[in-house]
């Protein structure tokens, strides 16, 4: 494994977003969910996650969006 310097690490943008929608992703090669994530000023971005064995869509929304409860 190649390590990077702290100066290189400082260049990385790490953002936190709020998951606003989760759906099954049947077209994925391996079981996955489609995620819509709100990054505020950057807008809503789509991603996918292969976490179907660990979480249900309900649990993802419940554990990540505390403002709903």
PDB file of N, CA and C in Angstrom:
ATOM      1  N   UNK A   1       0.836  -1.167   0.000  1.00  0.00           N
ATOM      2  CA  UNK A   1       0.000   0.000   0.000  1.00  0.00           C
ATOM      3  C   UNK A   1       0.889   1.241   0.000  1.00  0.00           C
ATOM      4  N   UNK A   2       0.538   2.194  -0.820  1.00  0.00           N
ATOM      5  CA  UNK A   2       1.293   3.440  -0.893  1.00  0.00           C
ATOM      6  C   UNK A   2       0.655   4.467   0.042  1.00  0.00           C
ATOM      7  N   UNK A   3       1.449   5.063   0.896  1.00  0.00           N
ATOM      8  CA  UNK A   3       0.956   6.098   1.787  1.00  0.00           C
ATOM      9  C   UNK A   3       1.114   7.453   1.128  1.00  0.00           C
ATOM     10  N   UNK A   4       0.197   8.365   1.441  1.00  0.00           N
ATOM     11  CA  UNK A   4       0.306   9.724   0.920  1.00  0.00           C
ATOM     12  C   UNK A   4       0.772  10.638   2.042  1.00  0.00           C
ATOM     13  N   UNK A   5       1.276  11.781   1.661  1.00  0.00           N
ATOM     14  CA  UNK A   5       1.741  12.736   2.662  1.00  0.00           C
ATOM     15  C   UNK A   5       0.541  13.501   3.230  1.00  0.00           C
ATOM     16  N   UNK A   6       0.761  14.137   4.359  1.00  0.00           N
ATOM     17  CA  UNK A   6      -0.305  14.932   4.963  1.00  0.00           C
ATOM     18  C   UNK A   6      -0.688  16.080   4.032  1.00  0.00           C
ATOM     19  N   UNK A   7       0.269  16.645   3.331  1.00  0.00           N
ATOM     20  CA  UNK A   7      -0.017  17.732   2.390  1.00  0.00           C
ATOM     21  C   UNK A   7      -0.973  17.264   1.289  1.00  0.00           C
ATOM     22  N   UNK A   8      -0.778  16.038   0.799  1.00  0.00           N
ATOM     23  CA  UNK A   8      -1.699  15.491  -0.197  1.00  0.00           C
ATOM     24  C   UNK A   8      -3.074  15.240   0.404  1.00  0.00           C
ATOM     25  N   UNK A   9      -3.121  14.756   1.647  1.00  0.00           N
ATOM     26  CA  UNK A   9      -4.396  14.509   2.320  1.00  0.00           C
ATOM     27  C   UNK A   9      -5.185  15.798   2.488  1.00  0.00           C
ATOM     28  N   UNK A  10      -4.505  16.900   2.759  1.00  0.00           N
ATOM     29  CA  UNK A  10      -5.183  18.188   2.922  1.00  0.00           C
ATOM     30  C   UNK A  10      -5.902  18.637   1.651  1.00  0.00           C
ATOM     31  N   UNK A  11      -5.518  18.131   0.506  1.00  0.00           N
ATOM     32  CA  UNK A  11      -6.135  18.504  -0.782  1.00  0.00           C
ATOM     33  C   UNK A  11      -7.465  17.788  -1.017  1.00  0.00           C
ATOM     34  N   UNK A  12      -7.734  16.738  -0.263  1.00  0.00           N
ATOM     35  CA  UNK A  12      -8.938  15.933  -0.450  1.00  0.00           C
ATOM     36  C   UNK A  12     -10.138  16.645   0.167  1.00  0.00           C
ATOM     37  N   UNK A  13     -11.242  16.712  -0.588  1.00  0.00           N
ATOM     38  CA  UNK A  13     -12.482  17.271  -0.055  1.00  0.00           C
ATOM     39  C   UNK A  13     -13.312  16.143   0.528  1.00  0.00           C
ATOM     40  N   UNK A  14     -13.652  16.262   1.788  1.00  0.00           N
ATOM     41  CA  UNK A  14     -14.516  15.285   2.436  1.00  0.00           C
ATOM     42  C   UNK A  14     -15.818  16.001   2.762  1.00  0.00           C
ATOM     43  N   UNK A  15     -16.921  15.491   2.224  1.00  0.00           N
ATOM     44  CA  UNK A  15     -18.227  16.135   2.398  1.00  0.00           C
ATOM     45  C   UNK A  15     -19.191  15.202   3.116  1.00  0.00           C
ATOM     46  N   UNK A  16     -20.133  15.793   3.805  1.00  0.00           N
ATOM     47  CA  UNK A  16     -21.189  15.051   4.475  1.00  0.00           C
ATOM     48  C   UNK A  16     -22.504  15.431   3.819  1.00  0.00           C
ATOM     49  N   UNK A  17     -23.323  14.428   3.512  1.00  0.00           N
ATOM     50  CA  UNK A  17     -24.609  14.686   2.900  1.00  0.00           C
ATOM     51  C   UNK A  17     -25.714  13.957   3.639  1.00  0.00           C
ATOM     52  N   UNK A  18     -26.934  14.268   3.258  1.00  0.00           N
ATOM     53  CA  UNK A  18     -28.114  13.651   3.862  1.00  0.00           C
ATOM     54  C   UNK A  18     -28.776  12.762   2.816  1.00  0.00           C
ATOM     55  N   UNK A  19     -28.944  11.483   3.133  1.00  0.00           N
ATOM     56  CA  UNK A  19     -29.613  10.566   2.211  1.00  0.00           C
ATOM     57  C   UNK A  19     -31.095  10.923   2.201  1.00  0.00           C
ATOM     58  N   UNK A  20     -31.609  11.269   1.012  1.00  0.00           N
ATOM     59  CA  UNK A  20     -33.003  11.690   0.927  1.00  0.00           C
ATOM     60  C   UNK A  20     -33.900  10.651   0.265  1.00  0.00           C
ATOM     61  N   UNK A  21     -33.305   9.682  -0.441  1.00  0.00           N
ATOM     62  CA  UNK A  21     -34.102   8.639  -1.082  1.00  0.00           C
ATOM     63  C   UNK A  21     -33.256   7.381  -1.268  1.00  0.00           C
ATOM     64  N   UNK A  22     -33.885   6.237  -1.073  1.00  0.00           N
ATOM     65  CA  UNK A  22     -33.227   4.941  -1.251  1.00  0.00           C
ATOM     66  C   UNK A  22     -34.175   4.042  -2.026  1.00  0.00           C
ATOM     67  N   UNK A  23     -33.660   3.405  -3.082  1.00  0.00           N
ATOM     68  CA  UNK A  23     -34.458   2.466  -3.862  1.00  0.00           C
ATOM     69  C   UNK A  23     -33.610   1.241  -4.189  1.00  0.00           C
ATOM     70  N   UNK A  24     -34.293   0.117  -4.437  1.00  0.00           N
ATOM     71  CA  UNK A  24     -33.584  -1.066  -4.910  1.00  0.00           C
ATOM     72  C   UNK A  24     -32.948  -0.773  -6.261  1.00  0.00           C
ATOM     73  N   UNK A  25     -31.866  -1.453  -6.580  1.00  0.00           N
ATOM     74  CA  UNK A  25     -31.142  -1.256  -7.840  1.00  0.00           C
ATOM     75  C   UNK A  25     -31.069  -2.613  -8.547  1.00  0.00           C
ATOM     76  N   UNK A  26     -32.185  -3.045  -9.169  1.00  0.00           N
ATOM     77  CA  UNK A  26     -32.232  -4.382  -9.766  1.00  0.00           C
ATOM     78  C   UNK A  26     -31.289  -4.587 -10.948  1.00  0.00           C
ATOM     79  N   UNK A  27     -30.855  -3.522 -11.610  1.00  0.00           N
ATOM     80  CA  UNK A  27     -29.965  -3.654 -12.770  1.00  0.00           C
ATOM     81  C   UNK A  27     -28.492  -3.792 -12.383  1.00  0.00           C
ATOM     82  N   UNK A  28     -28.193  -3.634 -11.107  1.00  0.00           N
ATOM     83  CA  UNK A  28     -26.803  -3.780 -10.646  1.00  0.00           C
ATOM     84  C   UNK A  28     -26.374  -5.241 -10.773  1.00  0.00           C
ATOM     85  N   UNK A  29     -25.092  -5.461 -11.041  1.00  0.00           N
ATOM     86  CA  UNK A  29     -24.580  -6.832 -11.157  1.00  0.00           C
ATOM     87  C   UNK A  29     -24.699  -7.597  -9.852  1.00  0.00           C
ATOM     88  N   UNK A  30     -24.468  -6.913  -8.746  1.00  0.00           N
ATOM     89  CA  UNK A  30     -24.618  -7.504  -7.414  1.00  0.00           C
ATOM     90  C   UNK A  30     -25.671  -6.682  -6.678  1.00  0.00           C
ATOM     91  N   UNK A  31     -26.421  -7.292  -5.754  1.00  0.00           N
ATOM     92  CA  UNK A  31     -27.488  -6.559  -5.059  1.00  0.00           C
ATOM     93  C   UNK A  31     -26.997  -5.236  -4.474  1.00  0.00           C
ATOM     94  N   UNK A  32     -27.751  -4.168  -4.763  1.00  0.00           N
ATOM     95  CA  UNK A  32     -27.356  -2.838  -4.310  1.00  0.00           C
ATOM     96  C   UNK A  32     -28.586  -1.946  -4.178  1.00  0.00           C
ATOM     97  N   UNK A  33     -28.381  -0.792  -3.566  1.00  0.00           N
ATOM     98  CA  UNK A  33     -29.393   0.255  -3.474  1.00  0.00           C
ATOM     99  C   UNK A  33     -28.918   1.471  -4.254  1.00  0.00           C
ATOM    100  N   UNK A  34     -29.874   2.196  -4.839  1.00  0.00           N
ATOM    101  CA  UNK A  34     -29.594   3.514  -5.406  1.00  0.00           C
ATOM    102  C   UNK A  34     -29.829   4.521  -4.290  1.00  0.00           C
ATOM    103  N   UNK A  35     -28.938   5.476  -4.167  1.00  0.00           N
ATOM    104  CA  UNK A  35     -29.049   6.505  -3.139  1.00  0.00           C
ATOM    105  C   UNK A  35     -29.068   7.885  -3.771  1.00  0.00           C
ATOM    106  N   UNK A  36     -29.922   8.746  -3.282  1.00  0.00           N
ATOM    107  CA  UNK A  36     -29.913  10.152  -3.655  1.00  0.00           C
ATOM    108  C   UNK A  36     -29.483  10.905  -2.408  1.00  0.00           C
ATOM    109  N   UNK A  37     -28.383  11.651  -2.536  1.00  0.00           N
ATOM    110  CA  UNK A  37     -27.765  12.293  -1.377  1.00  0.00           C
ATOM    111  C   UNK A  37     -27.734  13.803  -1.601  1.00  0.00           C
ATOM    112  N   UNK A  38     -28.264  14.551  -0.628  1.00  0.00           N
ATOM    113  CA  UNK A  38     -28.290  16.006  -0.698  1.00  0.00           C
ATOM    114  C   UNK A  38     -27.020  16.552  -0.048  1.00  0.00           C
ATOM    115  N   UNK A  39     -26.188  17.227  -0.863  1.00  0.00           N
ATOM    116  CA  UNK A  39     -24.950  17.819  -0.374  1.00  0.00           C
ATOM    117  C   UNK A  39     -25.058  19.331  -0.247  1.00  0.00           C
ATOM    118  N   UNK A  40     -26.265  19.823  -0.034  1.00  0.00           N
ATOM    119  CA  UNK A  40     -26.454  21.263   0.162  1.00  0.00           C
ATOM    120  C   UNK A  40     -26.112  22.053  -1.076  1.00  0.00           C
ATOM    121  N   UNK A  41     -25.118  22.917  -0.974  1.00  0.00           N
ATOM    122  CA  UNK A  41     -24.751  23.806  -2.075  1.00  0.00           C
ATOM    123  C   UNK A  41     -24.279  23.060  -3.325  1.00  0.00           C
ATOM    124  N   UNK A  42     -23.814  21.834  -3.183  1.00  0.00           N
ATOM    125  CA  UNK A  42     -23.393  21.034  -4.338  1.00  0.00           C
ATOM    126  C   UNK A  42     -24.573  20.378  -5.039  1.00  0.00           C
ATOM    127  N   UNK A  43     -25.722  20.346  -4.390  1.00  0.00           N
ATOM    128  CA  UNK A  43     -26.908  19.747  -4.979  1.00  0.00           C
ATOM    129  C   UNK A  43     -27.094  18.297  -4.583  1.00  0.00           C
ATOM    130  N   UNK A  44     -28.009  17.636  -5.271  1.00  0.00           N
ATOM    131  CA  UNK A  44     -28.328  16.244  -5.001  1.00  0.00           C
ATOM    132  C   UNK A  44     -27.527  15.369  -5.953  1.00  0.00           C
ATOM    133  N   UNK A  45     -26.812  14.435  -5.401  1.00  0.00           N
ATOM    134  CA  UNK A  45     -25.981  13.516  -6.187  1.00  0.00           C
ATOM    135  C   UNK A  45     -26.512  12.101  -6.018  1.00  0.00           C
ATOM    136  N   UNK A  46     -26.349  11.283  -7.071  1.00  0.00           N
ATOM    137  CA  UNK A  46     -26.760   9.892  -7.024  1.00  0.00           C
ATOM    138  C   UNK A  46     -25.545   9.007  -6.821  1.00  0.00           C
ATOM    139  N   UNK A  47     -25.763   7.916  -6.093  1.00  0.00           N
ATOM    140  CA  UNK A  47     -24.714   6.941  -5.859  1.00  0.00           C
ATOM    141  C   UNK A  47     -25.378   5.588  -5.675  1.00  0.00           C
ATOM    142  N   UNK A  48     -24.575   4.566  -5.480  1.00  0.00           N
ATOM    143  CA  UNK A  48     -25.127   3.251  -5.165  1.00  0.00           C
ATOM    144  C   UNK A  48     -24.284   2.632  -4.068  1.00  0.00           C
ATOM    145  N   UNK A  49     -24.894   1.683  -3.354  1.00  0.00           N
ATOM    146  CA  UNK A  49     -24.200   1.035  -2.248  1.00  0.00           C
ATOM    147  C   UNK A  49     -24.596  -0.434  -2.198  1.00  0.00           C
ATOM    148  N   UNK A  50     -23.596  -1.289  -2.092  1.00  0.00           N
ATOM    149  CA  UNK A  50     -23.843  -2.732  -1.985  1.00  0.00           C
ATOM    150  C   UNK A  50     -23.938  -3.116  -0.511  1.00  0.00           C
ATOM    151  N   UNK A  51     -24.989  -2.659   0.130  1.00  0.00           N
ATOM    152  CA  UNK A  51     -25.171  -2.911   1.562  1.00  0.00           C
ATOM    153  C   UNK A  51     -26.508  -3.595   1.834  1.00  0.00           C
ATOM    154  N   UNK A  52     -27.044  -4.289   0.847  1.00  0.00           N
ATOM    155  CA  UNK A  52     -28.362  -4.904   0.990  1.00  0.00           C
ATOM    156  C   UNK A  52     -28.403  -5.996   2.050  1.00  0.00           C
ATOM    157  N   UNK A  53     -27.282  -6.637   2.333  1.00  0.00           N
ATOM    158  CA  UNK A  53     -27.263  -7.679   3.366  1.00  0.00           C
ATOM    159  C   UNK A  53     -27.239  -7.078   4.767  1.00  0.00           C
ATOM    160  N   UNK A  54     -26.858  -5.820   4.865  1.00  0.00           N
ATOM    161  CA  UNK A  54     -26.725  -5.182   6.176  1.00  0.00           C
ATOM    162  C   UNK A  54     -27.905  -4.284   6.541  1.00  0.00           C
ATOM    163  N   UNK A  55     -28.532  -3.652   5.544  1.00  0.00           N
ATOM    164  CA  UNK A  55     -29.563  -2.651   5.806  1.00  0.00           C
ATOM    165  C   UNK A  55     -30.741  -2.801   4.856  1.00  0.00           C
ATOM    166  N   UNK A  56     -31.928  -2.433   5.347  1.00  0.00           N
ATOM    167  CA  UNK A  56     -33.102  -2.284   4.488  1.00  0.00           C
ATOM    168  C   UNK A  56     -33.188  -0.803   4.126  1.00  0.00           C
ATOM    169  N   UNK A  57     -33.904  -0.451   3.059  1.00  0.00           N
ATOM    170  CA  UNK A  57     -34.048   0.987   2.734  1.00  0.00           C
ATOM    171  C   UNK A  57     -34.639   1.785   3.901  1.00  0.00           C
ATOM    172  N   UNK A  58     -35.599   1.186   4.600  1.00  0.00           N
ATOM    173  CA  UNK A  58     -36.191   1.875   5.750  1.00  0.00           C
ATOM    174  C   UNK A  58     -35.129   2.164   6.809  1.00  0.00           C
ATOM    175  N   UNK A  59     -34.291   1.186   7.080  1.00  0.00           N
ATOM    176  CA  UNK A  59     -33.267   1.367   8.119  1.00  0.00           C
ATOM    177  C   UNK A  59     -32.225   2.408   7.704  1.00  0.00           C
ATOM    178  N   UNK A  60     -31.887   2.458   6.429  1.00  0.00           N
ATOM    179  CA  UNK A  60     -30.932   3.478   5.965  1.00  0.00           C
ATOM    180  C   UNK A  60     -31.494   4.862   6.228  1.00  0.00           C
ATOM    181  N   UNK A  61     -32.741   5.096   5.850  1.00  0.00           N
ATOM    182  CA  UNK A  61     -33.355   6.410   6.080  1.00  0.00           C
ATOM    183  C   UNK A  61     -33.517   6.703   7.561  1.00  0.00           C
ATOM    184  N   UNK A  62     -33.890   5.706   8.337  1.00  0.00           N
ATOM    185  CA  UNK A  62     -34.123   5.908   9.757  1.00  0.00           C
ATOM    186  C   UNK A  62     -32.834   6.211  10.509  1.00  0.00           C
ATOM    187  N   UNK A  63     -31.732   5.563  10.146  1.00  0.00           N
ATOM    188  CA  UNK A  63     -30.490   5.752  10.890  1.00  0.00           C
ATOM    189  C   UNK A  63     -29.678   6.929  10.400  1.00  0.00           C
ATOM    190  N   UNK A  64     -29.967   7.439   9.203  1.00  0.00           N
ATOM    191  CA  UNK A  64     -29.163   8.536   8.682  1.00  0.00           C
ATOM    192  C   UNK A  64     -29.867   9.878   8.739  1.00  0.00           C
ATOM    193  N   UNK A  65     -31.194   9.881   8.741  1.00  0.00           N
ATOM    194  CA  UNK A  65     -31.944  11.129   8.709  1.00  0.00           C
ATOM    195  C   UNK A  65     -32.665  11.349  10.029  1.00  0.00           C
ATOM    196  N   UNK A  66     -31.911  11.746  11.036  1.00  0.00           N
ATOM    197  CA  UNK A  66     -32.476  11.909  12.360  1.00  0.00           C
ATOM    198  C   UNK A  66     -33.531  13.003  12.417  1.00  0.00           C
ATOM    199  N   UNK A  67     -33.499  13.948  11.490  1.00  0.00           N
ATOM    200  CA  UNK A  67     -34.455  15.042  11.524  1.00  0.00           C
ATOM    201  C   UNK A  67     -35.884  14.573  11.263  1.00  0.00           C
ATOM    202  N   UNK A  68     -36.052  13.401  10.659  1.00  0.00           N
ATOM    203  CA  UNK A  68     -37.394  12.884  10.394  1.00  0.00           C
ATOM    204  C   UNK A  68     -38.060  12.354  11.660  1.00  0.00           C
ATOM    205  N   UNK A  69     -37.288  12.009  12.683  1.00  0.00           N
ATOM    206  CA  UNK A  69     -37.854  11.328  13.857  1.00  0.00           C
ATOM    207  C   UNK A  69     -37.679  12.111  15.119  1.00  0.00           C
TER     208      UNK A  69
END
